[in-house]
PDB file of N, CA and C in Angstrom:
ATOM      1  N   MET A   1     -26.017   1.396 -28.552  1.00  0.00           N
ATOM      2  CA  MET A   1     -26.287   0.014 -28.176  1.00  0.00           C
ATOM      3  C   MET A   1     -27.114  -0.062 -27.109  1.00  0.00           C
ATOM      4  N   VAL A   2     -27.985  -0.595 -26.645  1.00  0.00           N
ATOM      5  CA  VAL A   2     -28.857  -0.600 -25.428  1.00  0.00           C
ATOM      6  C   VAL A   2     -28.471  -1.854 -24.701  1.00  0.00           C
ATOM      7  N   PHE A   3     -28.324  -1.838 -23.227  1.00  0.00           N
ATOM      8  CA  PHE A   3     -27.779  -3.257 -22.584  1.00  0.00           C
ATOM      9  C   PHE A   3     -28.998  -3.216 -22.012  1.00  0.00           C
ATOM     10  N   ALA A   4     -29.596  -4.558 -21.514  1.00  0.00           N
ATOM     11  CA  ALA A   4     -30.360  -5.052 -20.472  1.00  0.00           C
ATOM     12  C   ALA A   4     -29.759  -5.429 -18.996  1.00  0.00           C
ATOM     13  N   LEU A   5     -30.491  -4.582 -18.008  1.00  0.00           N
ATOM     14  CA  LEU A   5     -29.842  -5.606 -16.823  1.00  0.00           C
ATOM     15  C   LEU A   5     -30.594  -6.968 -16.504  1.00  0.00           C
ATOM     16  N   PRO A   6     -30.109  -7.742 -15.627  1.00  0.00           N
ATOM     17  CA  PRO A   6     -30.552  -9.080 -15.372  1.00  0.00           C
ATOM     18  C   PRO A   6     -32.238  -8.803 -15.279  1.00  0.00           C
ATOM     19  N   ALA A   7     -32.794 -10.051 -15.239  1.00  0.00           N
ATOM     20  CA  ALA A   7     -34.293  -9.734 -15.122  1.00  0.00           C
ATOM     21  C   ALA A   7     -34.283 -10.248 -13.482  1.00  0.00           C
ATOM     22  N   THR A   8     -35.923  -9.502 -12.907  1.00  0.00           N
ATOM     23  CA  THR A   8     -36.084  -9.533 -11.554  1.00  0.00           C
ATOM     24  C   THR A   8     -36.052 -10.479 -10.798  1.00  0.00           C
ATOM     25  N   THR A   9     -36.033 -11.955 -11.774  1.00  0.00           N
ATOM     26  CA  THR A   9     -35.663 -13.148 -11.019  1.00  0.00           C
ATOM     27  C   THR A   9     -34.135 -13.417 -10.637  1.00  0.00           C
ATOM     28  N   SER A  10     -33.500 -12.491 -11.013  1.00  0.00           N
ATOM     29  CA  SER A  10     -32.241 -12.564 -10.764  1.00  0.00           C
ATOM     30  C   SER A  10     -31.430 -11.940  -9.479  1.00  0.00           C
ATOM     31  N   THR A  11     -30.209 -12.449  -9.221  1.00  0.00           N
ATOM     32  CA  THR A  11     -29.552 -11.573  -8.133  1.00  0.00           C
ATOM     33  C   THR A  11     -28.984 -10.430  -8.732  1.00  0.00           C
ATOM     34  N   ILE A  12     -28.992  -9.221  -8.542  1.00  0.00           N
ATOM     35  CA  ILE A  12     -28.178  -8.342  -9.268  1.00  0.00           C
ATOM     36  C   ILE A  12     -27.567  -7.541  -8.154  1.00  0.00           C
ATOM     37  N   ARG A  13     -26.573  -6.644  -8.666  1.00  0.00           N
ATOM     38  CA  ARG A  13     -25.475  -5.980  -7.594  1.00  0.00           C
ATOM     39  C   ARG A  13     -25.724  -4.754  -7.844  1.00  0.00           C
ATOM     40  N   MET A  14     -25.890  -3.877  -6.579  1.00  0.00           N
ATOM     41  CA  MET A  14     -25.768  -2.300  -6.415  1.00  0.00           C
ATOM     42  C   MET A  14     -24.847  -1.527  -7.434  1.00  0.00           C
ATOM     43  N   GLY A  15     -23.258  -2.273  -7.291  1.00  0.00           N
ATOM     44  CA  GLY A  15     -22.240  -1.630  -7.911  1.00  0.00           C
ATOM     45  C   GLY A  15     -22.388  -1.639  -9.325  1.00  0.00           C
ATOM     46  N   SER A  16     -22.989  -3.210  -9.829  1.00  0.00           N
ATOM     47  CA  SER A  16     -23.241  -3.147 -11.313  1.00  0.00           C
ATOM     48  C   SER A  16     -24.208  -2.319 -11.755  1.00  0.00           C
ATOM     49  N   VAL A  17     -25.348  -2.082 -10.820  1.00  0.00           N
ATOM     50  CA  VAL A  17     -26.434  -1.263 -11.312  1.00  0.00           C
ATOM     51  C   VAL A  17     -25.885   0.078 -11.512  1.00  0.00           C
ATOM     52  N   TYR A  18     -25.197   0.614 -10.671  1.00  0.00           N
ATOM     53  CA  TYR A  18     -24.620   2.042 -10.808  1.00  0.00           C
ATOM     54  C   TYR A  18     -23.755   1.940 -11.837  1.00  0.00           C
ATOM     55  N   ARG A  19     -22.989   1.069 -11.995  1.00  0.00           N
ATOM     56  CA  ARG A  19     -22.078   1.328 -13.191  1.00  0.00           C
ATOM     57  C   ARG A  19     -22.718   1.345 -14.657  1.00  0.00           C
ATOM     58  N   ALA A  20     -24.080   0.636 -14.543  1.00  0.00           N
ATOM     59  CA  ALA A  20     -24.820   0.340 -15.881  1.00  0.00           C
ATOM     60  C   ALA A  20     -25.425   1.817 -16.257  1.00  0.00           C
ATOM     61  N   TYR A  21     -25.756   2.563 -15.201  1.00  0.00           N
ATOM     62  CA  TYR A  21     -26.198   3.779 -15.536  1.00  0.00           C
ATOM     63  C   TYR A  21     -25.319   4.590 -15.761  1.00  0.00           C
ATOM     64  N   THR A  22     -24.093   4.884 -15.177  1.00  0.00           N
ATOM     65  CA  THR A  22     -23.182   5.995 -15.047  1.00  0.00           C
ATOM     66  C   THR A  22     -22.012   5.690 -15.921  1.00  0.00           C
ATOM     67  N   ASN A  23     -21.439   4.448 -16.250  1.00  0.00           N
ATOM     68  CA  ASN A  23     -20.419   3.779 -16.700  1.00  0.00           C
ATOM     69  C   ASN A  23     -19.147   4.471 -16.286  1.00  0.00           C
ATOM     70  N   THR A  24     -19.316   4.340 -14.647  1.00  0.00           N
ATOM     71  CA  THR A  24     -18.334   4.694 -13.635  1.00  0.00           C
ATOM     72  C   THR A  24     -18.289   3.514 -12.709  1.00  0.00           C
ATOM     73  N   ALA A  25     -17.071   3.104 -12.493  1.00  0.00           N
ATOM     74  CA  ALA A  25     -16.829   2.189 -11.295  1.00  0.00           C
ATOM     75  C   ALA A  25     -17.341   2.941  -9.903  1.00  0.00           C
ATOM     76  N   PRO A  26     -17.774   2.368  -9.121  1.00  0.00           N
ATOM     77  CA  PRO A  26     -18.128   2.950  -7.635  1.00  0.00           C
ATOM     78  C   PRO A  26     -16.721   3.301  -7.186  1.00  0.00           C
ATOM     79  N   ALA A  27     -16.382   4.301  -6.581  1.00  0.00           N
ATOM     80  CA  ALA A  27     -15.135   4.653  -5.752  1.00  0.00           C
ATOM     81  C   ALA A  27     -14.926   3.744  -4.471  1.00  0.00           C
ATOM     82  N   THR A  28     -13.593   3.367  -4.437  1.00  0.00           N
ATOM     83  CA  THR A  28     -13.412   2.404  -3.287  1.00  0.00           C
ATOM     84  C   THR A  28     -13.490   3.203  -1.918  1.00  0.00           C
ATOM     85  N   GLY A  29     -14.381   2.484  -0.847  1.00  0.00           N
ATOM     86  CA  GLY A  29     -14.727   3.120   0.314  1.00  0.00           C
ATOM     87  C   GLY A  29     -15.768   4.280   0.365  1.00  0.00           C
ATOM     88  N   THR A  30     -16.380   4.759  -1.152  1.00  0.00           N
ATOM     89  CA  THR A  30     -17.649   5.399  -1.138  1.00  0.00           C
ATOM     90  C   THR A  30     -18.680   4.336  -1.296  1.00  0.00           C
ATOM     91  N   PRO A  31     -19.860   4.678  -0.066  1.00  0.00           N
ATOM     92  CA  PRO A  31     -20.923   3.872  -0.187  1.00  0.00           C
ATOM     93  C   PRO A  31     -21.849   4.285  -1.430  1.00  0.00           C
ATOM     94  N   ILE A  32     -22.581   3.398  -2.020  1.00  0.00           N
ATOM     95  CA  ILE A  32     -23.831   3.586  -3.023  1.00  0.00           C
ATOM     96  C   ILE A  32     -24.921   3.308  -2.075  1.00  0.00           C
ATOM     97  N   ARG A  33     -25.757   4.838  -1.886  1.00  0.00           N
ATOM     98  CA  ARG A  33     -26.638   4.465  -1.118  1.00  0.00           C
ATOM     99  C   ARG A  33     -28.044   3.957  -2.099  1.00  0.00           C
ATOM    100  N   LEU A  34     -28.781   2.982  -1.464  1.00  0.00           N
ATOM    101  CA  LEU A  34     -29.638   2.299  -2.252  1.00  0.00           C
ATOM    102  C   LEU A  34     -30.857   3.592  -2.676  1.00  0.00           C
ATOM    103  N   ASN A  35     -31.645   4.193  -1.740  1.00  0.00           N
ATOM    104  CA  ASN A  35     -32.212   5.395  -2.048  1.00  0.00           C
ATOM    105  C   ASN A  35     -31.695   6.463  -2.712  1.00  0.00           C
ATOM    106  N   ALA A  36     -30.749   6.934  -2.011  1.00  0.00           N
ATOM    107  CA  ALA A  36     -30.245   8.375  -2.382  1.00  0.00           C
ATOM    108  C   ALA A  36     -29.191   8.244  -3.677  1.00  0.00           C
ATOM    109  N   THR A  37     -28.820   7.248  -3.823  1.00  0.00           N
ATOM    110  CA  THR A  37     -28.215   7.043  -5.323  1.00  0.00           C
ATOM    111  C   THR A  37     -28.773   6.495  -6.528  1.00  0.00           C
ATOM    112  N   LEU A  38     -29.160   5.060  -6.064  1.00  0.00           N
ATOM    113  CA  LEU A  38     -29.611   4.533  -7.153  1.00  0.00           C
ATOM    114  C   LEU A  38     -31.162   4.600  -7.013  1.00  0.00           C
ATOM    115  N   GLY A  39     -31.936   4.692  -5.933  1.00  0.00           N
ATOM    116  CA  GLY A  39     -33.463   4.774  -6.302  1.00  0.00           C
ATOM    117  C   GLY A  39     -33.886   6.042  -6.560  1.00  0.00           C
ATOM    118  N   VAL A  40     -33.536   7.147  -6.117  1.00  0.00           N
ATOM    119  CA  VAL A  40     -33.905   8.450  -6.412  1.00  0.00           C
ATOM    120  C   VAL A  40     -33.269   9.127  -7.639  1.00  0.00           C
ATOM    121  N   THR A  41     -32.284   8.653  -8.370  1.00  0.00           N
ATOM    122  CA  THR A  41     -31.546   9.191  -9.386  1.00  0.00           C
ATOM    123  C   THR A  41     -32.087   8.354 -10.520  1.00  0.00           C
ATOM    124  N   TYR A  42     -31.903   7.151 -10.336  1.00  0.00           N
ATOM    125  CA  TYR A  42     -32.214   6.000 -11.724  1.00  0.00           C
ATOM    126  C   TYR A  42     -33.464   5.432 -11.454  1.00  0.00           C
ATOM    127  N   GLY A  43     -33.809   5.101 -10.144  1.00  0.00           N
ATOM    128  CA  GLY A  43     -35.052   4.171  -9.921  1.00  0.00           C
ATOM    129  C   GLY A  43     -36.553   5.005  -9.915  1.00  0.00           C
ATOM    130  N   GLY A  44     -36.424   6.407 -10.010  1.00  0.00           N
ATOM    131  CA  GLY A  44     -37.751   7.247  -9.688  1.00  0.00           C
ATOM    132  C   GLY A  44     -38.453   6.787  -8.316  1.00  0.00           C
ATOM    133  N   LYS A  45     -37.593   6.540  -7.446  1.00  0.00           N
ATOM    134  CA  LYS A  45     -38.197   6.533  -5.800  1.00  0.00           C
ATOM    135  C   LYS A  45     -37.795   7.671  -5.479  1.00  0.00           C
ATOM    136  N   THR A  46     -38.758   7.953  -4.115  1.00  0.00           N
ATOM    137  CA  THR A  46     -38.356   9.133  -3.367  1.00  0.00           C
ATOM    138  C   THR A  46     -37.489   8.564  -1.867  1.00  0.00           C
ATOM    139  N   ALA A  47     -36.814   9.684  -1.700  1.00  0.00           N
ATOM    140  CA  ALA A  47     -35.963   9.247  -0.294  1.00  0.00           C
ATOM    141  C   ALA A  47     -36.594   8.848   0.412  1.00  0.00           C
ATOM    142  N   GLY A  48     -35.896   7.511   1.035  1.00  0.00           N
ATOM    143  CA  GLY A  48     -36.360   7.040   2.179  1.00  0.00           C
ATOM    144  C   GLY A  48     -37.725   5.972   1.854  1.00  0.00           C
ATOM    145  N   ALA A  49     -37.941   5.695   0.661  1.00  0.00           N
ATOM    146  CA  ALA A  49     -39.176   4.688  -0.034  1.00  0.00           C
ATOM    147  C   ALA A  49     -38.222   3.522   0.052  1.00  0.00           C
ATOM    148  N   PHE A  50     -39.078   2.359   0.027  1.00  0.00           N
ATOM    149  CA  PHE A  50     -38.715   1.044  -0.077  1.00  0.00           C
ATOM    150  C   PHE A  50     -38.459   0.804  -1.367  1.00  0.00           C
ATOM    151  N   THR A  51     -36.934   0.458  -1.783  1.00  0.00           N
ATOM    152  CA  THR A  51     -36.643   0.175  -3.046  1.00  0.00           C
ATOM    153  C   THR A  51     -35.856  -1.259  -3.232  1.00  0.00           C
ATOM    154  N   PRO A  52     -36.852  -2.415  -3.682  1.00  0.00           N
ATOM    155  CA  PRO A  52     -36.269  -3.499  -4.133  1.00  0.00           C
ATOM    156  C   PRO A  52     -35.335  -3.617  -4.939  1.00  0.00           C
ATOM    157  N   LEU A  53     -34.143  -4.036  -4.954  1.00  0.00           N
ATOM    158  CA  LEU A  53     -33.200  -3.576  -6.073  1.00  0.00           C
ATOM    159  C   LEU A  53     -33.499  -4.554  -7.442  1.00  0.00           C
ATOM    160  N   SER A  54     -33.997  -5.764  -7.417  1.00  0.00           N
ATOM    161  CA  SER A  54     -34.140  -6.349  -8.307  1.00  0.00           C
ATOM    162  C   SER A  54     -35.554  -5.922  -9.099  1.00  0.00           C
ATOM    163  N   ALA A  55     -36.609  -5.653  -8.215  1.00  0.00           N
ATOM    164  CA  ALA A  55     -37.615  -5.196  -8.921  1.00  0.00           C
ATOM    165  C   ALA A  55     -37.721  -3.857  -9.465  1.00  0.00           C
ATOM    166  N   THR A  56     -37.081  -3.190  -8.757  1.00  0.00           N
ATOM    167  CA  THR A  56     -37.300  -1.468  -9.279  1.00  0.00           C
ATOM    168  C   THR A  56     -36.110  -1.720 -10.817  1.00  0.00           C
ATOM    169  N   PHE A  57     -34.652  -2.380 -10.651  1.00  0.00           N
ATOM    170  CA  PHE A  57     -33.968  -2.080 -11.772  1.00  0.00           C
ATOM    171  C   PHE A  57     -33.920  -3.220 -12.584  1.00  0.00           C
ATOM    172  N   GLY A  58     -34.460  -4.469 -12.268  1.00  0.00           N
ATOM    173  CA  GLY A  58     -34.394  -5.593 -13.054  1.00  0.00           C
ATOM    174  C   GLY A  58     -34.950  -5.667 -14.412  1.00  0.00           C
ATOM    175  N   GLY A  59     -34.462  -5.917 -15.333  1.00  0.00           N
ATOM    176  CA  GLY A  59     -34.966  -6.039 -16.836  1.00  0.00           C
ATOM    177  C   GLY A  59     -35.143  -4.504 -17.456  1.00  0.00           C
ATOM    178  N   LYS A  60     -34.817  -3.734 -16.974  1.00  0.00           N
ATOM    179  CA  LYS A  60     -34.346  -2.265 -17.521  1.00  0.00           C
ATOM    180  C   LYS A  60     -33.490  -2.107 -18.281  1.00  0.00           C
ATOM    181  N   SER A  61     -33.409  -1.032 -19.470  1.00  0.00           N
ATOM    182  CA  SER A  61     -32.586  -0.797 -20.214  1.00  0.00           C
ATOM    183  C   SER A  61     -31.474   0.118 -19.749  1.00  0.00           C
ATOM    184  N   SER A  62     -30.237  -0.231 -20.297  1.00  0.00           N
ATOM    185  CA  SER A  62     -29.173   0.935 -19.729  1.00  0.00           C
ATOM    186  C   SER A  62     -28.486   0.995 -21.176  1.00  0.00           C
ATOM    187  N   THR A  63     -27.946   2.293 -21.032  1.00  0.00           N
ATOM    188  CA  THR A  63     -26.870   2.744 -22.129  1.00  0.00           C
ATOM    189  C   THR A  63     -25.507   2.193 -21.836  1.00  0.00           C
ATOM    190  N   TYR A  64     -25.102   1.952 -20.845  1.00  0.00           N
ATOM    191  CA  TYR A  64     -23.806   0.870 -20.206  1.00  0.00           C
ATOM    192  C   TYR A  64     -24.132  -0.687 -19.845  1.00  0.00           C
ATOM    193  N   GLN A  65     -23.008  -1.002 -20.273  1.00  0.00           N
ATOM    194  CA  GLN A  65     -23.151  -2.591 -20.163  1.00  0.00           C
ATOM    195  C   GLN A  65     -23.413  -3.127 -18.644  1.00  0.00           C
ATOM    196  N   TYR A  66     -24.090  -4.106 -17.702  1.00  0.00           N
ATOM    197  CA  TYR A  66     -23.984  -4.481 -16.629  1.00  0.00           C
ATOM    198  C   TYR A  66     -23.138  -5.676 -16.601  1.00  0.00           C
ATOM    199  N   VAL A  67     -21.878  -5.246 -15.872  1.00  0.00           N
ATOM    200  CA  VAL A  67     -20.761  -6.131 -15.542  1.00  0.00           C
ATOM    201  C   VAL A  67     -20.550  -6.492 -14.029  1.00  0.00           C
TER     202      VAL A  67
END
């Protein structure tokens, strides 16, 4: 089954995007770095690049459910 992340006009959460791609809840006290963790690994961005969360991930498909 394929799930969709919320559209770009929605407010989306970093932790939920991370879980949608990894099926793992972020560890308590462990930061999710927008570029290093989400942008580079799942969003196709380079380290240090500007990564707008909704525009980069909004509406994309994921193997796991966005919760």
